[in-house]
């Protein structure tokens, strides 16, 4: 079975440019480590709500380990709105 990961979070308005760079770094790392290319979306009429999508994940444990390592290395947590965090949802067909 393959999984699709949907990860949403709110970005601090003052850090949108830095967060955009950090997410690109994250997605490049995830592609290099897992072979999965992520996509970044921003919610219509709510541009500080972002979503990363990663599809075709077979090895959930490896993917989640690499994701946690890559998020920390990219420096994303301090760029999120105060009191918020990244929320992960997984779906399969």
PDB file of N, CA and C in Angstrom:
ATOM      1  N   UNK A   1       0.841  -1.179   0.000  1.00  0.00           N
ATOM      2  CA  UNK A   1       0.000   0.000   0.000  1.00  0.00           C
ATOM      3  C   UNK A   1       0.888   1.246   0.000  1.00  0.00           C
ATOM      4  N   UNK A   2       0.482   2.233  -0.751  1.00  0.00           N
ATOM      5  CA  UNK A   2       1.207   3.503  -0.741  1.00  0.00           C
ATOM      6  C   UNK A   2       0.374   4.567  -0.051  1.00  0.00           C
ATOM      7  N   UNK A   3       1.070   5.500   0.560  1.00  0.00           N
ATOM      8  CA  UNK A   3       0.438   6.545   1.351  1.00  0.00           C
ATOM      9  C   UNK A   3       0.721   7.916   0.764  1.00  0.00           C
ATOM     10  N   UNK A   4      -0.224   8.816   0.964  1.00  0.00           N
ATOM     11  CA  UNK A   4      -0.043  10.225   0.643  1.00  0.00           C
ATOM     12  C   UNK A   4      -0.046  10.992   1.953  1.00  0.00           C
ATOM     13  N   UNK A   5       0.947  11.834   2.130  1.00  0.00           N
ATOM     14  CA  UNK A   5       1.096  12.639   3.348  1.00  0.00           C
ATOM     15  C   UNK A   5       0.679  14.071   3.047  1.00  0.00           C
ATOM     16  N   UNK A   6      -0.172  14.598   3.907  1.00  0.00           N
ATOM     17  CA  UNK A   6      -0.633  15.981   3.823  1.00  0.00           C
ATOM     18  C   UNK A   6      -0.229  16.647   5.132  1.00  0.00           C
ATOM     19  N   UNK A   7       0.622  17.643   5.030  1.00  0.00           N
ATOM     20  CA  UNK A   7       1.181  18.288   6.219  1.00  0.00           C
ATOM     21  C   UNK A   7       0.836  19.774   6.143  1.00  0.00           C
ATOM     22  N   UNK A   8       0.074  20.242   7.104  1.00  0.00           N
ATOM     23  CA  UNK A   8      -0.349  21.644   7.070  1.00  0.00           C
ATOM     24  C   UNK A   8       0.095  22.367   8.333  1.00  0.00           C
ATOM     25  N   UNK A   9       0.290  23.682   8.172  1.00  0.00           N
ATOM     26  CA  UNK A   9       0.796  24.516   9.261  1.00  0.00           C
ATOM     27  C   UNK A   9       0.617  25.979   8.894  1.00  0.00           C
ATOM     28  N   UNK A  10       0.726  26.831   9.900  1.00  0.00           N
ATOM     29  CA  UNK A  10       0.625  28.279   9.694  1.00  0.00           C
ATOM     30  C   UNK A  10       2.015  28.902   9.844  1.00  0.00           C
ATOM     31  N   UNK A  11       2.335  29.758   8.891  1.00  0.00           N
ATOM     32  CA  UNK A  11       3.627  30.429   8.844  1.00  0.00           C
ATOM     33  C   UNK A  11       3.500  31.810   9.473  1.00  0.00           C
ATOM     34  N   UNK A  12       4.514  32.233  10.196  1.00  0.00           N
ATOM     35  CA  UNK A  12       4.559  33.593  10.745  1.00  0.00           C
ATOM     36  C   UNK A  12       4.693  34.568   9.574  1.00  0.00           C
ATOM     37  N   UNK A  13       3.852  35.603   9.545  1.00  0.00           N
ATOM     38  CA  UNK A  13       3.831  36.542   8.418  1.00  0.00           C
ATOM     39  C   UNK A  13       5.202  37.153   8.133  1.00  0.00           C
ATOM     40  N   UNK A  14       5.955  37.447   9.162  1.00  0.00           N
ATOM     41  CA  UNK A  14       7.275  38.062   8.968  1.00  0.00           C
ATOM     42  C   UNK A  14       8.299  37.097   8.382  1.00  0.00           C
ATOM     43  N   UNK A  15       7.978  35.799   8.372  1.00  0.00           N
ATOM     44  CA  UNK A  15       8.949  34.796   7.940  1.00  0.00           C
ATOM     45  C   UNK A  15       8.543  34.055   6.665  1.00  0.00           C
ATOM     46  N   UNK A  16       7.615  34.604   5.885  1.00  0.00           N
ATOM     47  CA  UNK A  16       7.142  33.852   4.721  1.00  0.00           C
ATOM     48  C   UNK A  16       8.263  33.589   3.716  1.00  0.00           C
ATOM     49  N   UNK A  17       9.097  34.570   3.441  1.00  0.00           N
ATOM     50  CA  UNK A  17      10.191  34.362   2.476  1.00  0.00           C
ATOM     51  C   UNK A  17      11.182  33.327   3.005  1.00  0.00           C
ATOM     52  N   UNK A  18      11.573  33.455   4.261  1.00  0.00           N
ATOM     53  CA  UNK A  18      12.513  32.503   4.855  1.00  0.00           C
ATOM     54  C   UNK A  18      11.906  31.109   4.908  1.00  0.00           C
ATOM     55  N   UNK A  19      10.628  31.020   5.202  1.00  0.00           N
ATOM     56  CA  UNK A  19       9.971  29.715   5.277  1.00  0.00           C
ATOM     57  C   UNK A  19       9.879  29.091   3.882  1.00  0.00           C
ATOM     58  N   UNK A  20       9.629  29.903   2.884  1.00  0.00           N
ATOM     59  CA  UNK A  20       9.605  29.392   1.515  1.00  0.00           C
ATOM     60  C   UNK A  20      10.941  28.764   1.139  1.00  0.00           C
ATOM     61  N   UNK A  21      12.030  29.436   1.482  1.00  0.00           N
ATOM     62  CA  UNK A  21      13.371  28.891   1.227  1.00  0.00           C
ATOM     63  C   UNK A  21      13.603  27.614   2.025  1.00  0.00           C
ATOM     64  N   UNK A  22      13.183  27.609   3.279  1.00  0.00           N
ATOM     65  CA  UNK A  22      13.368  26.437   4.136  1.00  0.00           C
ATOM     66  C   UNK A  22      12.582  25.239   3.600  1.00  0.00           C
ATOM     67  N   UNK A  23      11.372  25.472   3.120  1.00  0.00           N
ATOM     68  CA  UNK A  23      10.562  24.376   2.595  1.00  0.00           C
ATOM     69  C   UNK A  23      11.176  23.845   1.298  1.00  0.00           C
ATOM     70  N   UNK A  24      11.714  24.712   0.459  1.00  0.00           N
ATOM     71  CA  UNK A  24      12.402  24.237  -0.744  1.00  0.00           C
ATOM     72  C   UNK A  24      13.594  23.363  -0.371  1.00  0.00           C
ATOM     73  N   UNK A  25      14.341  23.793   0.650  1.00  0.00           N
ATOM     74  CA  UNK A  25      15.467  22.997   1.142  1.00  0.00           C
ATOM     75  C   UNK A  25      14.974  21.645   1.666  1.00  0.00           C
ATOM     76  N   UNK A  26      13.888  21.657   2.422  1.00  0.00           N
ATOM     77  CA  UNK A  26      13.286  20.432   2.944  1.00  0.00           C
ATOM     78  C   UNK A  26      12.887  19.499   1.812  1.00  0.00           C
ATOM     79  N   UNK A  27      12.201  20.021   0.823  1.00  0.00           N
ATOM     80  CA  UNK A  27      11.716  19.177  -0.270  1.00  0.00           C
ATOM     81  C   UNK A  27      12.864  18.610  -1.102  1.00  0.00           C
ATOM     82  N   UNK A  28      13.912  19.397  -1.293  1.00  0.00           N
ATOM     83  CA  UNK A  28      15.091  18.885  -1.990  1.00  0.00           C
ATOM     84  C   UNK A  28      15.729  17.744  -1.192  1.00  0.00           C
ATOM     85  N   UNK A  29      15.815  17.909   0.125  1.00  0.00           N
ATOM     86  CA  UNK A  29      16.386  16.860   0.976  1.00  0.00           C
ATOM     87  C   UNK A  29      15.523  15.609   0.940  1.00  0.00           C
ATOM     88  N   UNK A  30      14.213  15.774   0.997  1.00  0.00           N
ATOM     89  CA  UNK A  30      13.323  14.614   0.977  1.00  0.00           C
ATOM     90  C   UNK A  30      13.413  13.880  -0.358  1.00  0.00           C
ATOM     91  N   UNK A  31      13.542  14.621  -1.435  1.00  0.00           N
ATOM     92  CA  UNK A  31      13.682  13.976  -2.736  1.00  0.00           C
ATOM     93  C   UNK A  31      14.989  13.193  -2.795  1.00  0.00           C
ATOM     94  N   UNK A  32      16.066  13.782  -2.293  1.00  0.00           N
ATOM     95  CA  UNK A  32      17.362  13.106  -2.291  1.00  0.00           C
ATOM     96  C   UNK A  32      17.346  11.873  -1.388  1.00  0.00           C
ATOM     97  N   UNK A  33      16.685  11.956  -0.252  1.00  0.00           N
ATOM     98  CA  UNK A  33      16.697  10.859   0.733  1.00  0.00           C
ATOM     99  C   UNK A  33      15.689   9.765   0.451  1.00  0.00           C
ATOM    100  N   UNK A  34      14.546  10.119  -0.168  1.00  0.00           N
ATOM    101  CA  UNK A  34      13.472   9.137  -0.340  1.00  0.00           C
ATOM    102  C   UNK A  34      13.049   8.922  -1.789  1.00  0.00           C
ATOM    103  N   UNK A  35      13.464   9.818  -2.677  1.00  0.00           N
ATOM    104  CA  UNK A  35      13.034   9.738  -4.064  1.00  0.00           C
ATOM    105  C   UNK A  35      11.653  10.333  -4.300  1.00  0.00           C
ATOM    106  N   UNK A  36      11.047  10.885  -3.260  1.00  0.00           N
ATOM    107  CA  UNK A  36       9.697  11.450  -3.364  1.00  0.00           C
ATOM    108  C   UNK A  36       9.791  12.965  -3.448  1.00  0.00           C
ATOM    109  N   UNK A  37       9.188  13.511  -4.481  1.00  0.00           N
ATOM    110  CA  UNK A  37       9.173  14.962  -4.687  1.00  0.00           C
ATOM    111  C   UNK A  37       7.901  15.522  -4.067  1.00  0.00           C
ATOM    112  N   UNK A  38       8.055  16.445  -3.146  1.00  0.00           N
ATOM    113  CA  UNK A  38       6.911  17.070  -2.494  1.00  0.00           C
ATOM    114  C   UNK A  38       6.377  18.254  -3.278  1.00  0.00           C
ATOM    115  N   UNK A  39       5.176  18.683  -2.903  1.00  0.00           N
ATOM    116  CA  UNK A  39       4.558  19.881  -3.469  1.00  0.00           C
ATOM    117  C   UNK A  39       4.150  20.791  -2.321  1.00  0.00           C
ATOM    118  N   UNK A  40       4.206  22.092  -2.551  1.00  0.00           N
ATOM    119  CA  UNK A  40       3.793  23.075  -1.548  1.00  0.00           C
ATOM    120  C   UNK A  40       2.591  23.834  -2.071  1.00  0.00           C
ATOM    121  N   UNK A  41       1.543  23.900  -1.234  1.00  0.00           N
ATOM    122  CA  UNK A  41       0.339  24.656  -1.561  1.00  0.00           C
ATOM    123  C   UNK A  41       0.092  25.695  -0.482  1.00  0.00           C
ATOM    124  N   UNK A  42      -0.592  26.775  -0.869  1.00  0.00           N
ATOM    125  CA  UNK A  42      -1.019  27.799   0.087  1.00  0.00           C
ATOM    126  C   UNK A  42      -2.522  27.964  -0.067  1.00  0.00           C
ATOM    127  N   UNK A  43      -3.217  28.094   1.050  1.00  0.00           N
ATOM    128  CA  UNK A  43      -4.678  28.137   1.026  1.00  0.00           C
ATOM    129  C   UNK A  43      -5.180  29.444   0.415  1.00  0.00           C
ATOM    130  N   UNK A  44      -6.182  29.305  -0.426  1.00  0.00           N
ATOM    131  CA  UNK A  44      -6.816  30.471  -1.031  1.00  0.00           C
ATOM    132  C   UNK A  44      -7.437  31.330   0.066  1.00  0.00           C
ATOM    133  N   UNK A  45      -7.237  32.615  -0.010  1.00  0.00           N
ATOM    134  CA  UNK A  45      -7.766  33.595   0.942  1.00  0.00           C
ATOM    135  C   UNK A  45      -7.179  33.456   2.341  1.00  0.00           C
ATOM    136  N   UNK A  46      -6.169  32.614   2.494  1.00  0.00           N
ATOM    137  CA  UNK A  46      -5.492  32.457   3.784  1.00  0.00           C
ATOM    138  C   UNK A  46      -4.028  32.077   3.506  1.00  0.00           C
ATOM    139  N   UNK A  47      -3.251  33.037   2.988  1.00  0.00           N
ATOM    140  CA  UNK A  47      -1.912  32.732   2.475  1.00  0.00           C
ATOM    141  C   UNK A  47      -0.887  32.281   3.514  1.00  0.00           C
ATOM    142  N   UNK A  48      -1.207  32.368   4.785  1.00  0.00           N
ATOM    143  CA  UNK A  48      -0.267  31.908   5.807  1.00  0.00           C
ATOM    144  C   UNK A  48      -0.499  30.444   6.198  1.00  0.00           C
ATOM    145  N   UNK A  49      -1.531  29.818   5.617  1.00  0.00           N
ATOM    146  CA  UNK A  49      -1.790  28.398   5.845  1.00  0.00           C
ATOM    147  C   UNK A  49      -1.208  27.619   4.668  1.00  0.00           C
ATOM    148  N   UNK A  50      -0.164  26.851   4.948  1.00  0.00           N
ATOM    149  CA  UNK A  50       0.573  26.129   3.921  1.00  0.00           C
ATOM    150  C   UNK A  50       0.348  24.631   4.077  1.00  0.00           C
ATOM    151  N   UNK A  51       0.503  23.919   2.954  1.00  0.00           N
ATOM    152  CA  UNK A  51       0.385  22.457   2.978  1.00  0.00           C
ATOM    153  C   UNK A  51       1.450  21.850   2.076  1.00  0.00           C
ATOM    154  N   UNK A  52       2.159  20.887   2.637  1.00  0.00           N
ATOM    155  CA  UNK A  52       3.087  20.071   1.856  1.00  0.00           C
ATOM    156  C   UNK A  52       2.379  18.762   1.538  1.00  0.00           C
ATOM    157  N   UNK A  53       2.590  18.257   0.329  1.00  0.00           N
ATOM    158  CA  UNK A  53       2.009  16.985  -0.080  1.00  0.00           C
ATOM    159  C   UNK A  53       3.131  16.095  -0.596  1.00  0.00           C
ATOM    160  N   UNK A  54       3.167  14.880  -0.077  1.00  0.00           N
ATOM    161  CA  UNK A  54       4.125  13.866  -0.517  1.00  0.00           C
ATOM    162  C   UNK A  54       3.321  12.623  -0.854  1.00  0.00           C
ATOM    163  N   UNK A  55       3.430  12.141  -2.094  1.00  0.00           N
ATOM    164  CA  UNK A  55       2.639  11.000  -2.523  1.00  0.00           C
ATOM    165  C   UNK A  55       3.536   9.818  -2.885  1.00  0.00           C
ATOM    166  N   UNK A  56       2.970   8.632  -2.782  1.00  0.00           N
ATOM    167  CA  UNK A  56       3.693   7.427  -3.161  1.00  0.00           C
ATOM    168  C   UNK A  56       4.638   6.904  -2.097  1.00  0.00           C
ATOM    169  N   UNK A  57       4.340   7.155  -0.831  1.00  0.00           N
ATOM    170  CA  UNK A  57       5.188   6.695   0.269  1.00  0.00           C
ATOM    171  C   UNK A  57       4.872   5.234   0.556  1.00  0.00           C
ATOM    172  N   UNK A  58       5.892   4.389   0.475  1.00  0.00           N
ATOM    173  CA  UNK A  58       5.730   2.966   0.740  1.00  0.00           C
ATOM    174  C   UNK A  58       6.225   2.608   2.142  1.00  0.00           C
ATOM    175  N   UNK A  59       7.381   3.117   2.500  1.00  0.00           N
ATOM    176  CA  UNK A  59       7.983   2.825   3.802  1.00  0.00           C
ATOM    177  C   UNK A  59       7.716   4.010   4.731  1.00  0.00           C
ATOM    178  N   UNK A  60       6.596   3.933   5.470  1.00  0.00           N
ATOM    179  CA  UNK A  60       6.186   5.059   6.314  1.00  0.00           C
ATOM    180  C   UNK A  60       7.215   5.389   7.392  1.00  0.00           C
ATOM    181  N   UNK A  61       7.784   4.375   8.023  1.00  0.00           N
ATOM    182  CA  UNK A  61       8.735   4.612   9.114  1.00  0.00           C
ATOM    183  C   UNK A  61       9.957   5.365   8.606  1.00  0.00           C
ATOM    184  N   UNK A  62      10.526   4.928   7.505  1.00  0.00           N
ATOM    185  CA  UNK A  62      11.698   5.609   6.935  1.00  0.00           C
ATOM    186  C   UNK A  62      11.335   7.031   6.509  1.00  0.00           C
ATOM    187  N   UNK A  63      10.195   7.163   5.833  1.00  0.00           N
ATOM    188  CA  UNK A  63       9.773   8.477   5.372  1.00  0.00           C
ATOM    189  C   UNK A  63       9.608   9.444   6.541  1.00  0.00           C
ATOM    190  N   UNK A  64       8.928   9.007   7.592  1.00  0.00           N
ATOM    191  CA  UNK A  64       8.684   9.887   8.736  1.00  0.00           C
ATOM    192  C   UNK A  64       9.981  10.241   9.465  1.00  0.00           C
ATOM    193  N   UNK A  65      10.910   9.302   9.530  1.00  0.00           N
ATOM    194  CA  UNK A  65      12.216   9.584  10.129  1.00  0.00           C
ATOM    195  C   UNK A  65      12.947  10.649   9.307  1.00  0.00           C
ATOM    196  N   UNK A  66      13.006  10.440   7.995  1.00  0.00           N
ATOM    197  CA  UNK A  66      13.687  11.391   7.109  1.00  0.00           C
ATOM    198  C   UNK A  66      12.996  12.749   7.148  1.00  0.00           C
ATOM    199  N   UNK A  67      11.687  12.759   7.231  1.00  0.00           N
ATOM    200  CA  UNK A  67      10.939  14.018   7.292  1.00  0.00           C
ATOM    201  C   UNK A  67      11.297  14.791   8.555  1.00  0.00           C
ATOM    202  N   UNK A  68      11.285  14.124   9.690  1.00  0.00           N
ATOM    203  CA  UNK A  68      11.616  14.797  10.953  1.00  0.00           C
ATOM    204  C   UNK A  68      13.035  15.361  10.913  1.00  0.00           C
ATOM    205  N   UNK A  69      13.978  14.574  10.411  1.00  0.00           N
ATOM    206  CA  UNK A  69      15.370  15.034  10.313  1.00  0.00           C
ATOM    207  C   UNK A  69      15.486  16.227   9.366  1.00  0.00           C
ATOM    208  N   UNK A  70      14.807  16.169   8.240  1.00  0.00           N
ATOM    209  CA  UNK A  70      14.902  17.218   7.229  1.00  0.00           C
ATOM    210  C   UNK A  70      14.213  18.511   7.663  1.00  0.00           C
ATOM    211  N   UNK A  71      13.099  18.390   8.381  1.00  0.00           N
ATOM    212  CA  UNK A  71      12.402  19.585   8.900  1.00  0.00           C
ATOM    213  C   UNK A  71      13.314  20.320   9.879  1.00  0.00           C
ATOM    214  N   UNK A  72      13.944  19.577  10.769  1.00  0.00           N
ATOM    215  CA  UNK A  72      14.848  20.194  11.743  1.00  0.00           C
ATOM    216  C   UNK A  72      16.050  20.821  11.042  1.00  0.00           C
ATOM    217  N   UNK A  73      16.635  20.110  10.092  1.00  0.00           N
ATOM    218  CA  UNK A  73      17.812  20.617   9.380  1.00  0.00           C
ATOM    219  C   UNK A  73      17.499  21.869   8.562  1.00  0.00           C
ATOM    220  N   UNK A  74      16.284  21.949   8.028  1.00  0.00           N
ATOM    221  CA  UNK A  74      15.885  23.112   7.228  1.00  0.00           C
ATOM    222  C   UNK A  74      15.535  24.315   8.099  1.00  0.00           C
ATOM    223  N   UNK A  75      15.372  24.095   9.404  1.00  0.00           N
ATOM    224  CA  UNK A  75      15.072  25.197  10.319  1.00  0.00           C
ATOM    225  C   UNK A  75      13.648  25.707  10.229  1.00  0.00           C
ATOM    226  N   UNK A  76      12.711  24.829   9.969  1.00  0.00           N
ATOM    227  CA  UNK A  76      11.320  25.252   9.788  1.00  0.00           C
ATOM    228  C   UNK A  76      10.591  25.592  11.088  1.00  0.00           C
ATOM    229  N   UNK A  77      10.730  24.838  12.162  1.00  0.00           N
ATOM    230  CA  UNK A  77       9.907  25.108  13.361  1.00  0.00           C
ATOM    231  C   UNK A  77       9.902  26.556  13.858  1.00  0.00           C
ATOM    232  N   UNK A  78      11.024  27.276  13.908  1.00  0.00           N
ATOM    233  CA  UNK A  78      10.958  28.659  14.404  1.00  0.00           C
ATOM    234  C   UNK A  78      10.245  29.639  13.462  1.00  0.00           C
ATOM    235  N   UNK A  79       9.946  29.196  12.246  1.00  0.00           N
ATOM    236  CA  UNK A  79       9.302  30.069  11.265  1.00  0.00           C
ATOM    237  C   UNK A  79       7.783  29.969  11.292  1.00  0.00           C
ATOM    238  N   UNK A  80       7.265  29.041  12.096  1.00  0.00           N
ATOM    239  CA  UNK A  80       5.825  28.860  12.201  1.00  0.00           C
ATOM    240  C   UNK A  80       5.220  29.877  13.163  1.00  0.00           C
ATOM    241  N   UNK A  81       3.921  30.094  13.011  1.00  0.00           N
ATOM    242  CA  UNK A  81       3.232  31.001  13.929  1.00  0.00           C
ATOM    243  C   UNK A  81       3.395  30.496  15.344  1.00  0.00           C
ATOM    244  N   UNK A  82       3.576  31.440  16.253  1.00  0.00           N
ATOM    245  CA  UNK A  82       3.762  31.088  17.661  1.00  0.00           C
ATOM    246  C   UNK A  82       2.592  30.248  18.144  1.00  0.00           C
ATOM    247  N   UNK A  83       2.904  29.150  18.825  1.00  0.00           N
ATOM    248  CA  UNK A  83       1.880  28.270  19.361  1.00  0.00           C
ATOM    249  C   UNK A  83       1.337  27.259  18.366  1.00  0.00           C
ATOM    250  N   UNK A  84       1.827  27.291  17.125  1.00  0.00           N
ATOM    251  CA  UNK A  84       1.329  26.330  16.139  1.00  0.00           C
ATOM    252  C   UNK A  84       2.397  25.278  15.862  1.00  0.00           C
ATOM    253  N   UNK A  85       1.995  24.247  15.140  1.00  0.00           N
ATOM    254  CA  UNK A  85       2.927  23.177  14.787  1.00  0.00           C
ATOM    255  C   UNK A  85       2.507  22.584  13.450  1.00  0.00           C
ATOM    256  N   UNK A  86       3.325  21.686  12.956  1.00  0.00           N
ATOM    257  CA  UNK A  86       3.021  20.975  11.718  1.00  0.00           C
ATOM    258  C   UNK A  86       2.085  19.804  12.047  1.00  0.00           C
ATOM    259  N   UNK A  87       1.019  19.669  11.265  1.00  0.00           N
ATOM    260  CA  UNK A  87       0.040  18.596  11.453  1.00  0.00           C
ATOM    261  C   UNK A  87       0.133  17.649  10.265  1.00  0.00           C
ATOM    262  N   UNK A  88       0.292  16.356  10.551  1.00  0.00           N
ATOM    263  CA  UNK A  88       0.465  15.358   9.503  1.00  0.00           C
ATOM    264  C   UNK A  88      -0.763  14.465   9.428  1.00  0.00           C
ATOM    265  N   UNK A  89      -1.282  14.302   8.205  1.00  0.00           N
ATOM    266  CA  UNK A  89      -2.384  13.385   7.933  1.00  0.00           C
ATOM    267  C   UNK A  89      -1.941  12.466   6.795  1.00  0.00           C
ATOM    268  N   UNK A  90      -2.266  11.180   6.895  1.00  0.00           N
ATOM    269  CA  UNK A  90      -1.890  10.207   5.873  1.00  0.00           C
ATOM    270  C   UNK A  90      -3.149   9.534   5.318  1.00  0.00           C
ATOM    271  N   UNK A  91      -3.160   9.369   3.991  1.00  0.00           N
ATOM    272  CA  UNK A  91      -4.293   8.747   3.314  1.00  0.00           C
ATOM    273  C   UNK A  91      -3.798   7.753   2.293  1.00  0.00           C
ATOM    274  N   UNK A  92      -4.585   6.715   2.043  1.00  0.00           N
ATOM    275  CA  UNK A  92      -4.307   5.739   1.002  1.00  0.00           C
ATOM    276  C   UNK A  92      -5.540   5.610   0.118  1.00  0.00           C
ATOM    277  N   UNK A  93      -5.327   5.178  -1.113  1.00  0.00           N
ATOM    278  CA  UNK A  93      -6.466   4.959  -2.024  1.00  0.00           C
ATOM    279  C   UNK A  93      -7.167   3.676  -1.656  1.00  0.00           C
TER     280      UNK A  93
END
